[in-house]
Amino acid sequence: MTLYEWLMTDEAGSSSPPGLAPYLAAMVRRLPPAGAGVVPGSTPVVAFGDPARARVATLGINPSRREFTDEQGRMLTDAHRRLATLASLGASRLDRLDDAQVASVVAECGAYFRRQPYRRWFDPLDALIRAGTGASFYDETACHLDLVQWATDPVWGQMPDQRARRALIEDGVPHLRSQLAANQRIRLVLCNGRQVIDQVRAAGLADLAEIGVIRHGTVTCYLYAAEQGTRRWLGWSANLQSGRGISTAFKDELAGWLAQARTAPGTPPTGPGPETEAAP
């Protein structure tokens, strides 16, 4: 039984869980970088789903602010809440959380896909990895991790201060390293989008090399792969969630490449689409 499972049973009671992993406590019990636009009252998202059960992890930049707030910027509460907040924990500061509160943050991350997942963002990604790897967020064979564990407002792409981005990456990457080291069951890491690939390479997490391209209509998607011990890293440059030019045919070809590349490193795509360049 994993920590996540134990915390969701009556056995947990009101006491703190035994054997809380130090890296998890460190991920939760820290303050965000000053001036980085982290959503007030939010908690660090150690994972979406349970890495201890997953064999595939998708990797993004950072959680959406919609994980904690509605469209008007109001904090999600009660049945609408997706993850733990300072208010739901009855806490004022993350660095003062007790063991039981830390465990609640971890447990709610582990149970994310059984609660109120942000389906608008996760479902397109789940459809791809289900078709390409057979794993899914919804049966706990896949989880989602981020380079930065904090949700921000404004969102990453609209941050005017590059120093804030650097501070968030420098804060988040060491925790991601610890998480991957602690969860060796994860044998495949999928990097979702150009920004993720660039940051993974810059941080030295994996030496992703360009190995192919998929072209469909206005979309030109570059494909990447790396080997790190028993773990394989794959990535694609397209933004699946944008919807811009992301056709069913494109997603089918990307899923087909994943199905091959997850077991055959350096696999180029088959059946390339029309030779057209990406729209500016």
C-alpha atoms as a PDB file:
ATOM      1  CA  MET A   1       0.000   0.000   0.000  1.00  0.00           C
ATOM      2  CA  THR A   2       1.446   3.397  -0.990  1.00  0.00           C
ATOM      3  CA  LEU A   3       1.356   6.502   1.179  1.00  0.00           C
ATOM      4  CA  TYR A   4      -1.384   7.880  -1.047  1.00  0.00           C
ATOM      5  CA  GLU A   5      -3.531   4.761  -0.628  1.00  0.00           C
ATOM      6  CA  TRP A   6      -2.943   4.608   3.116  1.00  0.00           C
ATOM      7  CA  LEU A   7      -3.982   8.210   3.583  1.00  0.00           C
ATOM      8  CA  MET A   8      -7.248   7.641   1.720  1.00  0.00           C
ATOM      9  CA  THR A   9      -8.302   4.804   4.065  1.00  0.00           C
ATOM     10  CA  ASP A  10      -9.786   4.875   7.548  1.00  0.00           C
ATOM     11  CA  GLU A  11      -6.510   3.451   8.849  1.00  0.00           C
ATOM     12  CA  ALA A  12      -4.954   6.888   8.597  1.00  0.00           C
ATOM     13  CA  GLY A  13      -7.204   8.372  11.262  1.00  0.00           C
ATOM     14  CA  SER A  14      -6.070  11.781  12.454  1.00  0.00           C
ATOM     15  CA  SER A  15      -2.454  10.932  13.188  1.00  0.00           C
ATOM     16  CA  SER A  16       0.445  11.755  10.904  1.00  0.00           C
ATOM     17  CA  PRO A  17       1.579   8.955   8.556  1.00  0.00           C
ATOM     18  CA  PRO A  18       4.639   6.920   9.438  1.00  0.00           C
ATOM     19  CA  GLY A  19       7.712   7.066   7.238  1.00  0.00           C
ATOM     20  CA  LEU A  20       6.881  10.253   5.326  1.00  0.00           C
ATOM     21  CA  ALA A  21       9.610  10.476   2.680  1.00  0.00           C
ATOM     22  CA  PRO A  22      11.964  13.388   3.423  1.00  0.00           C
ATOM     23  CA  TYR A  23      11.898  14.574  -0.190  1.00  0.00           C
ATOM     24  CA  LEU A  24       8.093  14.857  -0.066  1.00  0.00           C
ATOM     25  CA  ALA A  25       8.171  16.810   3.185  1.00  0.00           C
ATOM     26  CA  ALA A  26      10.788  19.112   1.661  1.00  0.00           C
ATOM     27  CA  MET A  27       8.683  19.647  -1.463  1.00  0.00           C
ATOM     28  CA  VAL A  28       5.638  20.648   0.549  1.00  0.00           C
ATOM     29  CA  ARG A  29       7.159  22.456   3.515  1.00  0.00           C
ATOM     30  CA  ARG A  30       8.821  25.318   1.646  1.00  0.00           C
ATOM     31  CA  LEU A  31       7.934  28.882   0.702  1.00  0.00           C
ATOM     32  CA  PRO A  32       7.691  29.944  -2.955  1.00  0.00           C
ATOM     33  CA  PRO A  33      10.283  32.280  -4.467  1.00  0.00           C
ATOM     34  CA  ALA A  34       9.502  35.884  -3.567  1.00  0.00           C
ATOM     35  CA  GLY A  35       7.881  37.972  -6.289  1.00  0.00           C
ATOM     36  CA  ALA A  36       7.303  34.987  -8.587  1.00  0.00           C
ATOM     37  CA  GLY A  37       3.528  35.406  -8.910  1.00  0.00           C
ATOM     38  CA  VAL A  38       2.603  32.173  -7.141  1.00  0.00           C
ATOM     39  CA  VAL A  39      -1.167  31.894  -6.570  1.00  0.00           C
ATOM     40  CA  PRO A  40      -1.780  33.114  -2.994  1.00  0.00           C
ATOM     41  CA  GLY A  41      -2.988  30.410  -0.638  1.00  0.00           C
ATOM     42  CA  SER A  42      -1.995  27.563  -2.989  1.00  0.00           C
ATOM     43  CA  THR A  43       0.256  24.637  -2.146  1.00  0.00           C
ATOM     44  CA  PRO A  44       3.085  23.108  -4.203  1.00  0.00           C
ATOM     45  CA  VAL A  45       1.805  20.336  -6.465  1.00  0.00           C
ATOM     46  CA  VAL A  46       4.178  17.444  -5.811  1.00  0.00           C
ATOM     47  CA  ALA A  47       2.464  15.430  -8.560  1.00  0.00           C
ATOM     48  CA  PHE A  48      -0.792  14.977 -10.379  1.00  0.00           C
ATOM     49  CA  GLY A  49      -1.542  11.366  -9.526  1.00  0.00           C
ATOM     50  CA  ASP A  50       0.661   8.878  -7.695  1.00  0.00           C
ATOM     51  CA  PRO A  51       4.253   8.524  -9.000  1.00  0.00           C
ATOM     52  CA  ALA A  52       4.713   5.454  -6.797  1.00  0.00           C
ATOM     53  CA  ARG A  53       2.204   3.561  -8.948  1.00  0.00           C
ATOM     54  CA  ALA A  54       2.900   5.092 -12.373  1.00  0.00           C
ATOM     55  CA  ARG A  55       5.137   3.656 -15.073  1.00  0.00           C
ATOM     56  CA  VAL A  56       4.793   6.722 -17.332  1.00  0.00           C
ATOM     57  CA  ALA A  57       5.161  10.376 -16.342  1.00  0.00           C
ATOM     58  CA  THR A  58       4.282  13.347 -18.488  1.00  0.00           C
ATOM     59  CA  LEU A  59       6.262  16.502 -17.775  1.00  0.00           C
ATOM     60  CA  GLY A  60       5.122  20.116 -17.976  1.00  0.00           C
ATOM     61  CA  ILE A  61       6.430  23.522 -16.940  1.00  0.00           C
ATOM     62  CA  ASN A  62       4.130  24.308 -14.004  1.00  0.00           C
ATOM     63  CA  PRO A  63       0.561  23.747 -12.797  1.00  0.00           C
ATOM     64  CA  SER A  64      -2.238  25.893 -14.167  1.00  0.00           C
ATOM     65  CA  ARG A  65      -3.719  28.547 -11.880  1.00  0.00           C
ATOM     66  CA  ARG A  66      -7.045  26.846 -12.645  1.00  0.00           C
ATOM     67  CA  GLU A  67      -5.963  24.064 -10.317  1.00  0.00           C
ATOM     68  CA  PHE A  68      -6.654  26.492  -7.484  1.00  0.00           C
ATOM     69  CA  THR A  69      -8.877  29.302  -8.795  1.00  0.00           C
ATOM     70  CA  ASP A  70     -11.971  29.770 -10.947  1.00  0.00           C
ATOM     71  CA  GLU A  71     -12.146  31.993 -14.034  1.00  0.00           C
ATOM     72  CA  GLN A  72     -12.714  35.050 -11.836  1.00  0.00           C
ATOM     73  CA  GLY A  73      -9.609  34.286  -9.787  1.00  0.00           C
ATOM     74  CA  ARG A  74     -11.532  33.130  -6.722  1.00  0.00           C
ATOM     75  CA  MET A  75     -10.106  30.224  -4.738  1.00  0.00           C
ATOM     76  CA  LEU A  76     -11.848  26.906  -5.381  1.00  0.00           C
ATOM     77  CA  THR A  77     -13.504  25.552  -2.254  1.00  0.00           C
ATOM     78  CA  ASP A  78     -15.546  22.618  -0.994  1.00  0.00           C
ATOM     79  CA  ALA A  79     -16.645  20.214  -3.743  1.00  0.00           C
ATOM     80  CA  HIS A  80     -14.978  22.361  -6.433  1.00  0.00           C
ATOM     81  CA  ARG A  81     -11.530  22.219  -4.850  1.00  0.00           C
ATOM     82  CA  ARG A  82      -8.990  20.142  -6.775  1.00  0.00           C
ATOM     83  CA  LEU A  83      -6.002  20.237  -4.397  1.00  0.00           C
ATOM     84  CA  ALA A  84      -5.099  21.243  -0.869  1.00  0.00           C
ATOM     85  CA  THR A  85      -4.938  24.954  -0.057  1.00  0.00           C
ATOM     86  CA  LEU A  86      -3.753  26.787   3.031  1.00  0.00           C
ATOM     87  CA  ALA A  87      -7.406  27.418   3.868  1.00  0.00           C
ATOM     88  CA  SER A  88      -8.395  23.748   3.524  1.00  0.00           C
ATOM     89  CA  LEU A  89      -5.461  22.798   5.753  1.00  0.00           C
ATOM     90  CA  GLY A  90      -6.293  25.447   8.324  1.00  0.00           C
ATOM     91  CA  ALA A  91      -2.770  26.807   7.952  1.00  0.00           C
ATOM     92  CA  SER A  92      -1.165  30.189   7.416  1.00  0.00           C
ATOM     93  CA  ARG A  93       2.303  29.201   6.176  1.00  0.00           C
ATOM     94  CA  LEU A  94       3.673  26.203   4.315  1.00  0.00           C
ATOM     95  CA  ASP A  95       6.907  26.105   6.301  1.00  0.00           C
ATOM     96  CA  ARG A  96       4.899  25.623   9.490  1.00  0.00           C
ATOM     97  CA  LEU A  97       2.812  22.666   8.363  1.00  0.00           C
ATOM     98  CA  ASP A  98       2.810  19.683  10.702  1.00  0.00           C
ATOM     99  CA  ASP A  99       3.270  16.124   9.443  1.00  0.00           C
ATOM    100  CA  ALA A 100      -0.463  15.476   9.113  1.00  0.00           C
ATOM    101  CA  GLN A 101      -0.934  18.627   7.014  1.00  0.00           C
ATOM    102  CA  VAL A 102       2.008  17.727   4.789  1.00  0.00           C
ATOM    103  CA  ALA A 103       0.526  14.256   4.347  1.00  0.00           C
ATOM    104  CA  SER A 104      -2.812  15.804   3.335  1.00  0.00           C
ATOM    105  CA  VAL A 105      -1.112  17.825   0.581  1.00  0.00           C
ATOM    106  CA  VAL A 106       0.616  14.684  -0.722  1.00  0.00           C
ATOM    107  CA  ALA A 107      -2.546  12.577  -0.491  1.00  0.00           C
ATOM    108  CA  GLU A 108      -4.679  15.073  -2.393  1.00  0.00           C
ATOM    109  CA  CYS A 109      -2.069  15.219  -5.148  1.00  0.00           C
ATOM    110  CA  GLY A 110      -2.081  11.411  -5.318  1.00  0.00           C
ATOM    111  CA  ALA A 111      -5.882  11.312  -5.517  1.00  0.00           C
ATOM    112  CA  TYR A 112      -6.081  14.163  -8.055  1.00  0.00           C
ATOM    113  CA  PHE A 113      -7.588  12.149 -10.909  1.00  0.00           C
ATOM    114  CA  ARG A 114     -10.216  10.694  -8.581  1.00  0.00           C
ATOM    115  CA  ARG A 115     -11.360  14.143  -7.448  1.00  0.00           C
ATOM    116  CA  GLN A 116     -11.903  17.119  -9.751  1.00  0.00           C
ATOM    117  CA  PRO A 117      -9.230  16.933 -12.479  1.00  0.00           C
ATOM    118  CA  TYR A 118      -8.862  19.847 -14.864  1.00  0.00           C
ATOM    119  CA  ARG A 119     -10.061  17.755 -17.777  1.00  0.00           C
ATOM    120  CA  ARG A 120      -9.776  20.511 -20.373  1.00  0.00           C
ATOM    121  CA  TRP A 121      -5.990  20.300 -19.977  1.00  0.00           C
ATOM    122  CA  PHE A 122      -5.415  16.677 -19.013  1.00  0.00           C
ATOM    123  CA  ASP A 123      -7.825  14.791 -21.276  1.00  0.00           C
ATOM    124  CA  PRO A 124      -6.054  15.598 -24.599  1.00  0.00           C
ATOM    125  CA  LEU A 125      -2.767  14.482 -23.055  1.00  0.00           C
ATOM    126  CA  ASP A 126      -4.344  11.357 -21.592  1.00  0.00           C
ATOM    127  CA  ALA A 127      -5.805  10.395 -24.983  1.00  0.00           C
ATOM    128  CA  LEU A 128      -2.325  10.645 -26.530  1.00  0.00           C
ATOM    129  CA  ILE A 129      -0.491   8.597 -23.912  1.00  0.00           C
ATOM    130  CA  ARG A 130      -3.265   6.032 -23.759  1.00  0.00           C
ATOM    131  CA  ALA A 131      -3.001   5.502 -27.517  1.00  0.00           C
ATOM    132  CA  GLY A 132       0.812   5.637 -27.601  1.00  0.00           C
ATOM    133  CA  THR A 133       1.793   3.820 -24.411  1.00  0.00           C
ATOM    134  CA  GLY A 134      -1.303   2.110 -23.004  1.00  0.00           C
ATOM    135  CA  ALA A 135      -0.956   4.112 -19.774  1.00  0.00           C
ATOM    136  CA  SER A 136      -3.518   6.552 -18.390  1.00  0.00           C
ATOM    137  CA  PHE A 137      -3.858   9.119 -15.634  1.00  0.00           C
ATOM    138  CA  TYR A 138      -7.229   7.643 -14.797  1.00  0.00           C
ATOM    139  CA  ASP A 139      -6.055   4.113 -13.958  1.00  0.00           C
ATOM    140  CA  GLU A 140      -2.923   5.361 -12.129  1.00  0.00           C
ATOM    141  CA  THR A 141      -0.461   3.892 -14.610  1.00  0.00           C
ATOM    142  CA  ALA A 142       0.543   7.464 -15.529  1.00  0.00           C
ATOM    143  CA  CYS A 143       1.111  10.627 -13.538  1.00  0.00           C
ATOM    144  CA  HIS A 144       2.017  14.206 -14.400  1.00  0.00           C
ATOM    145  CA  LEU A 145       5.023  16.067 -12.998  1.00  0.00           C
ATOM    146  CA  ASP A 146       6.230  19.641 -13.450  1.00  0.00           C
ATOM    147  CA  LEU A 147       9.591  21.378 -13.559  1.00  0.00           C
ATOM    148  CA  VAL A 148       8.045  24.015 -11.297  1.00  0.00           C
ATOM    149  CA  GLN A 149       5.612  22.835  -8.643  1.00  0.00           C
ATOM    150  CA  TRP A 150       3.918  26.216  -8.134  1.00  0.00           C
ATOM    151  CA  ALA A 151       0.829  27.517  -9.957  1.00  0.00           C
ATOM    152  CA  THR A 152       1.368  31.107 -11.059  1.00  0.00           C
ATOM    153  CA  ASP A 153      -0.718  34.121 -12.014  1.00  0.00           C
ATOM    154  CA  PRO A 154       0.088  35.318 -14.615  1.00  0.00           C
ATOM    155  CA  VAL A 155       0.665  32.017 -16.377  1.00  0.00           C
ATOM    156  CA  TRP A 156       4.187  31.026 -17.379  1.00  0.00           C
ATOM    157  CA  GLY A 157       3.959  32.287 -20.965  1.00  0.00           C
ATOM    158  CA  GLN A 158       2.781  35.726 -19.837  1.00  0.00           C
ATOM    159  CA  MET A 159       5.341  36.357 -17.086  1.00  0.00           C
ATOM    160  CA  PRO A 160       7.034  39.685 -17.872  1.00  0.00           C
ATOM    161  CA  ASP A 161       9.975  39.093 -15.516  1.00  0.00           C
ATOM    162  CA  GLN A 162      12.516  36.551 -16.752  1.00  0.00           C
ATOM    163  CA  ARG A 163      14.149  36.594 -13.307  1.00  0.00           C
ATOM    164  CA  ALA A 164      10.954  35.198 -11.816  1.00  0.00           C
ATOM    165  CA  ARG A 165      11.006  32.320 -14.303  1.00  0.00           C
ATOM    166  CA  ARG A 166      14.628  31.555 -13.478  1.00  0.00           C
ATOM    167  CA  ALA A 167      13.902  31.641  -9.753  1.00  0.00           C
ATOM    168  CA  LEU A 168      10.993  29.229 -10.179  1.00  0.00           C
ATOM    169  CA  ILE A 169      13.038  26.799 -12.286  1.00  0.00           C
ATOM    170  CA  GLU A 170      15.968  26.936  -9.856  1.00  0.00           C
ATOM    171  CA  ASP A 171      13.547  26.245  -7.009  1.00  0.00           C
ATOM    172  CA  GLY A 172      11.644  23.441  -8.733  1.00  0.00           C
ATOM    173  CA  VAL A 173      14.186  21.343 -10.637  1.00  0.00           C
ATOM    174  CA  PRO A 174      16.044  19.970  -7.558  1.00  0.00           C
ATOM    175  CA  HIS A 175      12.720  18.716  -6.190  1.00  0.00           C
ATOM    176  CA  LEU A 176      11.876  17.105  -9.538  1.00  0.00           C
ATOM    177  CA  ARG A 177      15.264  15.357  -9.516  1.00  0.00           C
ATOM    178  CA  SER A 178      14.542  13.950  -6.049  1.00  0.00           C
ATOM    179  CA  GLN A 179      11.124  12.813  -7.150  1.00  0.00           C
ATOM    180  CA  LEU A 180      12.392  10.970 -10.205  1.00  0.00           C
ATOM    181  CA  ALA A 181      15.206   9.378  -8.197  1.00  0.00           C
ATOM    182  CA  ALA A 182      12.702   8.125  -5.626  1.00  0.00           C
ATOM    183  CA  ASN A 183      10.296   6.657  -8.183  1.00  0.00           C
ATOM    184  CA  GLN A 184      12.316   4.284 -10.345  1.00  0.00           C
ATOM    185  CA  ARG A 185       9.122   2.520 -11.409  1.00  0.00           C
ATOM    186  CA  ILE A 186       8.685   5.403 -13.863  1.00  0.00           C
ATOM    187  CA  ARG A 187      10.498   4.148 -16.969  1.00  0.00           C
ATOM    188  CA  LEU A 188       9.172   6.656 -19.505  1.00  0.00           C
ATOM    189  CA  VAL A 189       9.089  10.461 -19.204  1.00  0.00           C
ATOM    190  CA  LEU A 190       7.184  12.395 -21.879  1.00  0.00           C
ATOM    191  CA  CYS A 191       8.064  16.072 -22.336  1.00  0.00           C
ATOM    192  CA  ASN A 192       5.029  18.034 -23.444  1.00  0.00           C
ATOM    193  CA  GLY A 193       6.038  20.971 -25.630  1.00  0.00           C
ATOM    194  CA  ARG A 194       9.022  23.024 -26.741  1.00  0.00           C
ATOM    195  CA  GLN A 195       9.399  25.006 -23.507  1.00  0.00           C
ATOM    196  CA  VAL A 196       9.600  21.814 -21.465  1.00  0.00           C
ATOM    197  CA  ILE A 197      12.189  20.299 -23.799  1.00  0.00           C
ATOM    198  CA  ASP A 198      14.315  23.452 -23.668  1.00  0.00           C
ATOM    199  CA  GLN A 199      14.219  23.575 -19.871  1.00  0.00           C
ATOM    200  CA  VAL A 200      14.974  19.845 -19.506  1.00  0.00           C
ATOM    201  CA  ARG A 201      18.037  20.236 -21.698  1.00  0.00           C
ATOM    202  CA  ALA A 202      19.175  23.442 -19.981  1.00  0.00           C
ATOM    203  CA  ALA A 203      18.841  21.845 -16.535  1.00  0.00           C
ATOM    204  CA  GLY A 204      20.751  18.741 -17.617  1.00  0.00           C
ATOM    205  CA  LEU A 205      17.872  16.445 -16.700  1.00  0.00           C
ATOM    206  CA  ALA A 206      18.197  14.570 -19.990  1.00  0.00           C
ATOM    207  CA  ASP A 207      20.238  15.071 -23.146  1.00  0.00           C
ATOM    208  CA  LEU A 208      17.277  15.164 -25.502  1.00  0.00           C
ATOM    209  CA  ALA A 209      18.312  14.914 -29.143  1.00  0.00           C
ATOM    210  CA  GLU A 210      16.125  15.757 -32.128  1.00  0.00           C
ATOM    211  CA  ILE A 211      15.372  12.518 -33.979  1.00  0.00           C
ATOM    212  CA  GLY A 212      12.516  13.306 -36.332  1.00  0.00           C
ATOM    213  CA  VAL A 213       9.641  15.536 -37.355  1.00  0.00           C
ATOM    214  CA  ILE A 214       5.928  15.228 -37.979  1.00  0.00           C
ATOM    215  CA  ARG A 215       4.259  17.673 -40.365  1.00  0.00           C
ATOM    216  CA  HIS A 216       0.526  18.119 -40.740  1.00  0.00           C
ATOM    217  CA  GLY A 217      -1.025  21.215 -42.259  1.00  0.00           C
ATOM    218  CA  THR A 218       0.368  24.255 -40.427  1.00  0.00           C
ATOM    219  CA  VAL A 219       1.984  22.185 -37.681  1.00  0.00           C
ATOM    220  CA  THR A 220       5.626  21.153 -37.722  1.00  0.00           C
ATOM    221  CA  CYS A 221       6.389  19.080 -34.640  1.00  0.00           C
ATOM    222  CA  TYR A 222       9.967  18.102 -33.807  1.00  0.00           C
ATOM    223  CA  LEU A 223      10.547  14.848 -31.930  1.00  0.00           C
ATOM    224  CA  TYR A 224      13.172  14.201 -29.253  1.00  0.00           C
ATOM    225  CA  ALA A 225      14.579  11.236 -27.365  1.00  0.00           C
ATOM    226  CA  ALA A 226      17.158  10.421 -24.709  1.00  0.00           C
ATOM    227  CA  GLU A 227      18.237   7.413 -22.663  1.00  0.00           C
ATOM    228  CA  GLN A 228      19.161   7.685 -18.998  1.00  0.00           C
ATOM    229  CA  GLY A 229      19.900   4.341 -17.406  1.00  0.00           C
ATOM    230  CA  THR A 230      16.696   2.316 -17.529  1.00  0.00           C
ATOM    231  CA  ARG A 231      14.579   5.410 -18.141  1.00  0.00           C
ATOM    232  CA  ARG A 232      13.628   6.726 -21.562  1.00  0.00           C
ATOM    233  CA  TRP A 233      12.779  10.355 -22.239  1.00  0.00           C
ATOM    234  CA  LEU A 234      10.700  11.374 -25.247  1.00  0.00           C
ATOM    235  CA  GLY A 235       9.379  14.769 -26.253  1.00  0.00           C
ATOM    236  CA  TRP A 236       7.475  16.691 -28.893  1.00  0.00           C
ATOM    237  CA  SER A 237       7.596  20.407 -29.646  1.00  0.00           C
ATOM    238  CA  ALA A 238       3.894  20.939 -30.406  1.00  0.00           C
ATOM    239  CA  ASN A 239       1.507  22.331 -27.796  1.00  0.00           C
ATOM    240  CA  LEU A 240      -1.289  19.753 -27.704  1.00  0.00           C
ATOM    241  CA  GLN A 241      -3.544  21.842 -25.502  1.00  0.00           C
ATOM    242  CA  SER A 242      -3.455  24.917 -27.752  1.00  0.00           C
ATOM    243  CA  GLY A 243      -5.705  23.307 -30.346  1.00  0.00           C
ATOM    244  CA  ARG A 244      -4.069  25.429 -33.055  1.00  0.00           C
ATOM    245  CA  GLY A 245      -3.632  23.123 -36.026  1.00  0.00           C
ATOM    246  CA  ILE A 246      -3.683  20.035 -33.781  1.00  0.00           C
ATOM    247  CA  SER A 247      -5.770  17.696 -35.914  1.00  0.00           C
ATOM    248  CA  THR A 248      -6.877  14.162 -35.197  1.00  0.00           C
ATOM    249  CA  ALA A 249      -4.531  12.942 -37.943  1.00  0.00           C
ATOM    250  CA  PHE A 250      -1.593  14.701 -36.283  1.00  0.00           C
ATOM    251  CA  LYS A 251      -2.398  13.244 -32.868  1.00  0.00           C
ATOM    252  CA  ASP A 252      -2.754   9.780 -34.397  1.00  0.00           C
ATOM    253  CA  GLU A 253       0.689  10.030 -35.984  1.00  0.00           C
ATOM    254  CA  LEU A 254       2.258  11.315 -32.782  1.00  0.00           C
ATOM    255  CA  ALA A 255       0.668   8.445 -30.853  1.00  0.00           C
ATOM    256  CA  GLY A 256       2.020   6.003 -33.452  1.00  0.00           C
ATOM    257  CA  TRP A 257       5.517   7.416 -33.018  1.00  0.00           C
ATOM    258  CA  LEU A 258       5.232   7.105 -29.234  1.00  0.00           C
ATOM    259  CA  ALA A 259       4.178   3.476 -29.558  1.00  0.00           C
ATOM    260  CA  GLN A 260       7.375   2.744 -31.496  1.00  0.00           C
ATOM    261  CA  ALA A 261       9.824   5.081 -29.755  1.00  0.00           C
ATOM    262  CA  ARG A 262       8.983   3.992 -26.221  1.00  0.00           C
ATOM    263  CA  THR A 263      10.611   0.627 -26.978  1.00  0.00           C
ATOM    264  CA  ALA A 264      12.968   1.560 -29.829  1.00  0.00           C
ATOM    265  CA  PRO A 265      15.187   4.591 -29.093  1.00  0.00           C
ATOM    266  CA  GLY A 266      15.944   6.886 -32.005  1.00  0.00           C
ATOM    267  CA  THR A 267      12.829   5.820 -33.895  1.00  0.00           C
ATOM    268  CA  PRO A 268      11.805   8.333 -36.581  1.00  0.00           C
ATOM    269  CA  PRO A 269       8.107   8.790 -37.351  1.00  0.00           C
ATOM    270  CA  THR A 270       6.533   6.705 -40.087  1.00  0.00           C
ATOM    271  CA  GLY A 271       4.202   8.006 -42.744  1.00  0.00           C
ATOM    272  CA  PRO A 272       5.145  11.728 -42.547  1.00  0.00           C
ATOM    273  CA  GLY A 273       2.479  14.278 -43.316  1.00  0.00           C
ATOM    274  CA  PRO A 274       2.595  16.966 -46.033  1.00  0.00           C
ATOM    275  CA  GLU A 275       5.846  18.894 -46.297  1.00  0.00           C
ATOM    276  CA  THR A 276       4.532  22.244 -45.110  1.00  0.00           C
ATOM    277  CA  GLU A 277       6.128  24.721 -42.751  1.00  0.00           C
ATOM    278  CA  ALA A 278       4.723  25.845 -39.434  1.00  0.00           C
ATOM    279  CA  ALA A 279       2.628  28.987 -39.301  1.00  0.00           C
ATOM    280  CA  PRO A 280       4.427  31.922 -37.653  1.00  0.00           C
END
